[in-house]
């Protein structure tokens, strides 16, 4: 079983969000996908999308990931 399938089968589907990387300054690693869960009840501004800095293995550095629709 691949890592992607394992994550989707072990996480609750209704709380699962898809995060896509913007890439580094040169655009390396753009489009890399990361799945996580997020509690929308604690969101300060509901109109804003969730974003976080995560490690991007393609760019080999920390890049900004923004929430996208599944």
PDB file of N, CA and C in Angstrom:
ATOM      1  N   UNK A   1       0.843  -1.169   0.000  1.00  0.00           N
ATOM      2  CA  UNK A   1       0.000   0.000   0.000  1.00  0.00           C
ATOM      3  C   UNK A   1       0.892   1.236   0.000  1.00  0.00           C
ATOM      4  N   UNK A   2       0.575   2.176  -0.874  1.00  0.00           N
ATOM      5  CA  UNK A   2       1.390   3.387  -0.945  1.00  0.00           C
ATOM      6  C   UNK A   2       1.108   4.302   0.243  1.00  0.00           C
ATOM      7  N   UNK A   3       2.021   5.234   0.464  1.00  0.00           N
ATOM      8  CA  UNK A   3       1.893   6.175   1.578  1.00  0.00           C
ATOM      9  C   UNK A   3       0.628   7.020   1.428  1.00  0.00           C
ATOM     10  N   UNK A   4       0.303   7.425   0.214  1.00  0.00           N
ATOM     11  CA  UNK A   4      -0.869   8.248  -0.066  1.00  0.00           C
ATOM     12  C   UNK A   4      -2.151   7.513   0.329  1.00  0.00           C
ATOM     13  N   UNK A   5      -2.280   6.263  -0.066  1.00  0.00           N
ATOM     14  CA  UNK A   5      -3.476   5.478   0.264  1.00  0.00           C
ATOM     15  C   UNK A   5      -3.583   5.245   1.761  1.00  0.00           C
ATOM     16  N   UNK A   6      -2.467   5.031   2.424  1.00  0.00           N
ATOM     17  CA  UNK A   6      -2.468   4.793   3.863  1.00  0.00           C
ATOM     18  C   UNK A   6      -2.982   6.015   4.610  1.00  0.00           C
ATOM     19  N   UNK A   7      -2.560   7.197   4.206  1.00  0.00           N
ATOM     20  CA  UNK A   7      -3.003   8.437   4.862  1.00  0.00           C
ATOM     21  C   UNK A   7      -4.501   8.609   4.675  1.00  0.00           C
ATOM     22  N   UNK A   8      -4.994   8.402   3.468  1.00  0.00           N
ATOM     23  CA  UNK A   8      -6.413   8.608   3.208  1.00  0.00           C
ATOM     24  C   UNK A   8      -7.291   7.595   3.931  1.00  0.00           C
ATOM     25  N   UNK A   9      -6.789   6.402   4.179  1.00  0.00           N
ATOM     26  CA  UNK A   9      -7.602   5.412   4.863  1.00  0.00           C
ATOM     27  C   UNK A   9      -7.562   5.566   6.373  1.00  0.00           C
ATOM     28  N   UNK A  10      -6.545   6.212   6.922  1.00  0.00           N
ATOM     29  CA  UNK A  10      -6.445   6.350   8.369  1.00  0.00           C
ATOM     30  C   UNK A  10      -6.978   7.678   8.883  1.00  0.00           C
ATOM     31  N   UNK A  11      -7.132   8.673   8.039  1.00  0.00           N
ATOM     32  CA  UNK A  11      -7.625   9.979   8.469  1.00  0.00           C
ATOM     33  C   UNK A  11      -9.127  10.086   8.223  1.00  0.00           C
ATOM     34  N   UNK A  12      -9.803  10.860   9.053  1.00  0.00           N
ATOM     35  CA  UNK A  12     -11.220  11.121   8.883  1.00  0.00           C
ATOM     36  C   UNK A  12     -11.423  11.956   7.620  1.00  0.00           C
ATOM     37  N   UNK A  13     -12.257  11.507   6.712  1.00  0.00           N
ATOM     38  CA  UNK A  13     -12.393  12.147   5.408  1.00  0.00           C
ATOM     39  C   UNK A  13     -13.045  13.527   5.468  1.00  0.00           C
ATOM     40  N   UNK A  14     -13.959  13.762   6.408  1.00  0.00           N
ATOM     41  CA  UNK A  14     -14.635  15.056   6.439  1.00  0.00           C
ATOM     42  C   UNK A  14     -13.741  16.177   6.964  1.00  0.00           C
ATOM     43  N   UNK A  15     -12.678  15.848   7.695  1.00  0.00           N
ATOM     44  CA  UNK A  15     -11.764  16.861   8.210  1.00  0.00           C
ATOM     45  C   UNK A  15     -10.495  16.975   7.364  1.00  0.00           C
ATOM     46  N   UNK A  16     -10.345  16.144   6.353  1.00  0.00           N
ATOM     47  CA  UNK A  16      -9.136  16.104   5.545  1.00  0.00           C
ATOM     48  C   UNK A  16      -9.112  17.270   4.565  1.00  0.00           C
ATOM     49  N   UNK A  17      -7.986  18.006   4.522  1.00  0.00           N
ATOM     50  CA  UNK A  17      -7.841  19.093   3.570  1.00  0.00           C
ATOM     51  C   UNK A  17      -6.597  18.858   2.729  1.00  0.00           C
ATOM     52  N   UNK A  18      -6.622  19.373   1.512  1.00  0.00           N
ATOM     53  CA  UNK A  18      -5.514  19.244   0.574  1.00  0.00           C
ATOM     54  C   UNK A  18      -4.745  20.553   0.568  1.00  0.00           C
ATOM     55  N   UNK A  19      -3.425  20.458   0.730  1.00  0.00           N
ATOM     56  CA  UNK A  19      -2.581  21.640   0.720  1.00  0.00           C
ATOM     57  C   UNK A  19      -1.586  21.515  -0.429  1.00  0.00           C
ATOM     58  N   UNK A  20      -1.438  22.589  -1.204  1.00  0.00           N
ATOM     59  CA  UNK A  20      -0.572  22.588  -2.372  1.00  0.00           C
ATOM     60  C   UNK A  20       0.529  23.617  -2.170  1.00  0.00           C
ATOM     61  N   UNK A  21       1.759  23.240  -2.533  1.00  0.00           N
ATOM     62  CA  UNK A  21       2.925  24.103  -2.346  1.00  0.00           C
ATOM     63  C   UNK A  21       3.002  25.178  -3.411  1.00  0.00           C
ATOM     64  N   UNK A  22       3.477  26.361  -3.007  1.00  0.00           N
ATOM     65  CA  UNK A  22       3.762  27.443  -3.942  1.00  0.00           C
ATOM     66  C   UNK A  22       5.157  27.298  -4.539  1.00  0.00           C
ATOM     67  N   UNK A  23       5.985  26.460  -3.946  1.00  0.00           N
ATOM     68  CA  UNK A  23       7.363  26.291  -4.412  1.00  0.00           C
ATOM     69  C   UNK A  23       8.281  27.294  -3.750  1.00  0.00           C
ATOM     70  N   UNK A  24       9.581  27.149  -4.025  1.00  0.00           N
ATOM     71  CA  UNK A  24      10.551  28.087  -3.446  1.00  0.00           C
ATOM     72  C   UNK A  24      10.669  29.326  -4.332  1.00  0.00           C
ATOM     73  N   UNK A  25      11.680  30.138  -4.114  1.00  0.00           N
ATOM     74  CA  UNK A  25      11.849  31.387  -4.868  1.00  0.00           C
ATOM     75  C   UNK A  25      12.020  31.149  -6.372  1.00  0.00           C
ATOM     76  N   UNK A  26      12.600  30.010  -6.742  1.00  0.00           N
ATOM     77  CA  UNK A  26      12.806  29.691  -8.158  1.00  0.00           C
ATOM     78  C   UNK A  26      11.663  28.873  -8.753  1.00  0.00           C
ATOM     79  N   UNK A  27      10.647  28.557  -7.969  1.00  0.00           N
ATOM     80  CA  UNK A  27       9.514  27.782  -8.452  1.00  0.00           C
ATOM     81  C   UNK A  27       9.707  26.287  -8.352  1.00  0.00           C
ATOM     82  N   UNK A  28      10.803  25.834  -7.742  1.00  0.00           N
ATOM     83  CA  UNK A  28      11.060  24.403  -7.595  1.00  0.00           C
ATOM     84  C   UNK A  28      10.115  23.831  -6.543  1.00  0.00           C
ATOM     85  N   UNK A  29       9.485  22.714  -6.854  1.00  0.00           N
ATOM     86  CA  UNK A  29       8.579  22.069  -5.914  1.00  0.00           C
ATOM     87  C   UNK A  29       7.162  22.590  -5.956  1.00  0.00           C
ATOM     88  N   UNK A  30       6.843  23.438  -6.912  1.00  0.00           N
ATOM     89  CA  UNK A  30       5.490  23.986  -7.014  1.00  0.00           C
ATOM     90  C   UNK A  30       4.518  22.876  -7.394  1.00  0.00           C
ATOM     91  N   UNK A  31       3.409  22.795  -6.684  1.00  0.00           N
ATOM     92  CA  UNK A  31       2.393  21.793  -6.965  1.00  0.00           C
ATOM     93  C   UNK A  31       2.491  20.548  -6.108  1.00  0.00           C
ATOM     94  N   UNK A  32       3.501  20.449  -5.250  1.00  0.00           N
ATOM     95  CA  UNK A  32       3.613  19.282  -4.366  1.00  0.00           C
ATOM     96  C   UNK A  32       2.429  19.294  -3.404  1.00  0.00           C
ATOM     97  N   UNK A  33       1.813  18.129  -3.199  1.00  0.00           N
ATOM     98  CA  UNK A  33       0.580  18.023  -2.415  1.00  0.00           C
ATOM     99  C   UNK A  33       0.869  17.417  -1.051  1.00  0.00           C
ATOM    100  N   UNK A  34       0.186  17.950  -0.045  1.00  0.00           N
ATOM    101  CA  UNK A  34       0.312  17.493   1.334  1.00  0.00           C
ATOM    102  C   UNK A  34      -1.090  17.435   1.914  1.00  0.00           C
ATOM    103  N   UNK A  35      -1.485  16.329   2.523  1.00  0.00           N
ATOM    104  CA  UNK A  35      -2.805  16.185   3.132  1.00  0.00           C
ATOM    105  C   UNK A  35      -2.683  16.277   4.646  1.00  0.00           C
ATOM    106  N   UNK A  36      -3.609  16.995   5.265  1.00  0.00           N
ATOM    107  CA  UNK A  36      -3.617  17.151   6.715  1.00  0.00           C
ATOM    108  C   UNK A  36      -5.045  17.380   7.186  1.00  0.00           C
ATOM    109  N   UNK A  37      -5.219  17.419   8.490  1.00  0.00           N
ATOM    110  CA  UNK A  37      -6.522  17.752   9.055  1.00  0.00           C
ATOM    111  C   UNK A  37      -6.424  19.129   9.709  1.00  0.00           C
ATOM    112  N   UNK A  38      -7.547  19.823   9.755  1.00  0.00           N
ATOM    113  CA  UNK A  38      -7.583  21.163  10.326  1.00  0.00           C
ATOM    114  C   UNK A  38      -8.937  21.369  10.986  1.00  0.00           C
ATOM    115  N   UNK A  39      -8.939  21.934  12.169  1.00  0.00           N
ATOM    116  CA  UNK A  39     -10.166  22.197  12.903  1.00  0.00           C
ATOM    117  C   UNK A  39     -10.693  23.573  12.512  1.00  0.00           C
ATOM    118  N   UNK A  40     -11.754  23.616  11.718  1.00  0.00           N
ATOM    119  CA  UNK A  40     -12.302  24.884  11.242  1.00  0.00           C
ATOM    120  C   UNK A  40     -13.029  25.664  12.328  1.00  0.00           C
ATOM    121  N   UNK A  41     -13.349  25.035  13.448  1.00  0.00           N
ATOM    122  CA  UNK A  41     -14.050  25.732  14.525  1.00  0.00           C
ATOM    123  C   UNK A  41     -13.167  26.794  15.178  1.00  0.00           C
ATOM    124  N   UNK A  42     -11.847  26.600  15.146  1.00  0.00           N
ATOM    125  CA  UNK A  42     -10.938  27.549  15.772  1.00  0.00           C
ATOM    126  C   UNK A  42     -10.399  28.594  14.791  1.00  0.00           C
ATOM    127  N   UNK A  43     -10.858  28.566  13.559  1.00  0.00           N
ATOM    128  CA  UNK A  43     -10.377  29.514  12.555  1.00  0.00           C
ATOM    129  C   UNK A  43     -10.826  30.929  12.923  1.00  0.00           C
ATOM    130  N   UNK A  44      -9.918  31.879  12.895  1.00  0.00           N
ATOM    131  CA  UNK A  44     -10.230  33.255  13.288  1.00  0.00           C
ATOM    132  C   UNK A  44     -11.090  33.961  12.239  1.00  0.00           C
ATOM    133  N   UNK A  45     -10.730  33.822  10.974  1.00  0.00           N
ATOM    134  CA  UNK A  45     -11.477  34.462   9.892  1.00  0.00           C
ATOM    135  C   UNK A  45     -11.911  33.381   8.909  1.00  0.00           C
ATOM    136  N   UNK A  46     -13.199  33.044   8.851  1.00  0.00           N
ATOM    137  CA  UNK A  46     -13.647  31.932   8.003  1.00  0.00           C
ATOM    138  C   UNK A  46     -13.433  32.154   6.507  1.00  0.00           C
ATOM    139  N   UNK A  47     -13.282  33.412   6.075  1.00  0.00           N
ATOM    140  CA  UNK A  47     -13.109  33.674   4.646  1.00  0.00           C
ATOM    141  C   UNK A  47     -11.685  33.378   4.166  1.00  0.00           C
ATOM    142  N   UNK A  48     -10.719  33.274   5.091  1.00  0.00           N
ATOM    143  CA  UNK A  48      -9.330  33.012   4.710  1.00  0.00           C
ATOM    144  C   UNK A  48      -9.072  31.521   4.601  1.00  0.00           C
ATOM    145  N   UNK A  49      -8.174  31.168   3.685  1.00  0.00           N
ATOM    146  CA  UNK A  49      -7.756  29.778   3.532  1.00  0.00           C
ATOM    147  C   UNK A  49      -6.597  29.512   4.485  1.00  0.00           C
ATOM    148  N   UNK A  50      -6.508  28.272   4.954  1.00  0.00           N
ATOM    149  CA  UNK A  50      -5.439  27.868   5.859  1.00  0.00           C
ATOM    150  C   UNK A  50      -4.128  27.748   5.083  1.00  0.00           C
ATOM    151  N   UNK A  51      -3.050  28.256   5.653  1.00  0.00           N
ATOM    152  CA  UNK A  51      -1.728  28.088   5.046  1.00  0.00           C
ATOM    153  C   UNK A  51      -0.702  27.858   6.145  1.00  0.00           C
ATOM    154  N   UNK A  52       0.327  27.082   5.805  1.00  0.00           N
ATOM    155  CA  UNK A  52       1.362  26.739   6.766  1.00  0.00           C
ATOM    156  C   UNK A  52       2.654  26.456   6.025  1.00  0.00           C
ATOM    157  N   UNK A  53       3.773  26.585   6.747  1.00  0.00           N
ATOM    158  CA  UNK A  53       5.073  26.236   6.177  1.00  0.00           C
ATOM    159  C   UNK A  53       5.369  24.784   6.514  1.00  0.00           C
ATOM    160  N   UNK A  54       5.614  23.993   5.483  1.00  0.00           N
ATOM    161  CA  UNK A  54       5.915  22.573   5.641  1.00  0.00           C
ATOM    162  C   UNK A  54       7.158  22.258   4.815  1.00  0.00           C
ATOM    163  N   UNK A  55       7.807  21.148   5.145  1.00  0.00           N
ATOM    164  CA  UNK A  55       8.985  20.718   4.393  1.00  0.00           C
ATOM    165  C   UNK A  55       8.563  20.174   3.038  1.00  0.00           C
ATOM    166  N   UNK A  56       9.186  20.665   1.989  1.00  0.00           N
ATOM    167  CA  UNK A  56       8.926  20.217   0.626  1.00  0.00           C
ATOM    168  C   UNK A  56      10.100  19.349   0.182  1.00  0.00           C
ATOM    169  N   UNK A  57       9.898  18.033   0.015  1.00  0.00           N
ATOM    170  CA  UNK A  57      11.011  17.159  -0.353  1.00  0.00           C
ATOM    171  C   UNK A  57      11.529  17.392  -1.766  1.00  0.00           C
ATOM    172  N   UNK A  58      10.716  17.948  -2.653  1.00  0.00           N
ATOM    173  CA  UNK A  58      11.171  18.221  -4.012  1.00  0.00           C
ATOM    174  C   UNK A  58      12.133  19.403  -4.016  1.00  0.00           C
ATOM    175  N   UNK A  59      11.776  20.469  -3.307  1.00  0.00           N
ATOM    176  CA  UNK A  59      12.624  21.656  -3.234  1.00  0.00           C
ATOM    177  C   UNK A  59      13.698  21.531  -2.155  1.00  0.00           C
ATOM    178  N   UNK A  60      13.550  20.554  -1.260  1.00  0.00           N
ATOM    179  CA  UNK A  60      14.456  20.312  -0.134  1.00  0.00           C
ATOM    180  C   UNK A  60      14.580  21.529   0.783  1.00  0.00           C
ATOM    181  N   UNK A  61      13.476  22.185   1.016  1.00  0.00           N
ATOM    182  CA  UNK A  61      13.420  23.327   1.921  1.00  0.00           C
ATOM    183  C   UNK A  61      11.976  23.483   2.409  1.00  0.00           C
ATOM    184  N   UNK A  62      11.776  24.347   3.372  1.00  0.00           N
ATOM    185  CA  UNK A  62      10.428  24.632   3.850  1.00  0.00           C
ATOM    186  C   UNK A  62       9.781  25.645   2.915  1.00  0.00           C
ATOM    187  N   UNK A  63       8.572  25.347   2.458  1.00  0.00           N
ATOM    188  CA  UNK A  63       7.832  26.231   1.569  1.00  0.00           C
ATOM    189  C   UNK A  63       6.431  26.435   2.122  1.00  0.00           C
ATOM    190  N   UNK A  64       5.728  27.418   1.585  1.00  0.00           N
ATOM    191  CA  UNK A  64       4.367  27.724   2.022  1.00  0.00           C
ATOM    192  C   UNK A  64       3.399  26.813   1.284  1.00  0.00           C
ATOM    193  N   UNK A  65       2.518  26.175   2.050  1.00  0.00           N
ATOM    194  CA  UNK A  65       1.455  25.343   1.490  1.00  0.00           C
ATOM    195  C   UNK A  65       0.126  26.051   1.770  1.00  0.00           C
ATOM    196  N   UNK A  66      -0.731  26.137   0.749  1.00  0.00           N
ATOM    197  CA  UNK A  66      -2.028  26.778   0.896  1.00  0.00           C
ATOM    198  C   UNK A  66      -3.137  25.765   0.674  1.00  0.00           C
ATOM    199  N   UNK A  67      -4.225  25.967   1.378  1.00  0.00           N
ATOM    200  CA  UNK A  67      -5.372  25.062   1.301  1.00  0.00           C
ATOM    201  C   UNK A  67      -6.053  25.194  -0.063  1.00  0.00           C
ATOM    202  N   UNK A  68      -6.354  24.048  -0.659  1.00  0.00           N
ATOM    203  CA  UNK A  68      -7.094  23.991  -1.926  1.00  0.00           C
ATOM    204  C   UNK A  68      -8.276  23.056  -1.749  1.00  0.00           C
ATOM    205  N   UNK A  69      -9.240  23.136  -2.663  1.00  0.00           N
ATOM    206  CA  UNK A  69     -10.361  22.214  -2.618  1.00  0.00           C
ATOM    207  C   UNK A  69      -9.902  20.832  -3.031  1.00  0.00           C
ATOM    208  N   UNK A  70     -10.545  19.798  -2.478  1.00  0.00           N
ATOM    209  CA  UNK A  70     -10.176  18.424  -2.805  1.00  0.00           C
ATOM    210  C   UNK A  70     -10.575  18.042  -4.190  1.00  0.00           C
TER     211      UNK A  70
END
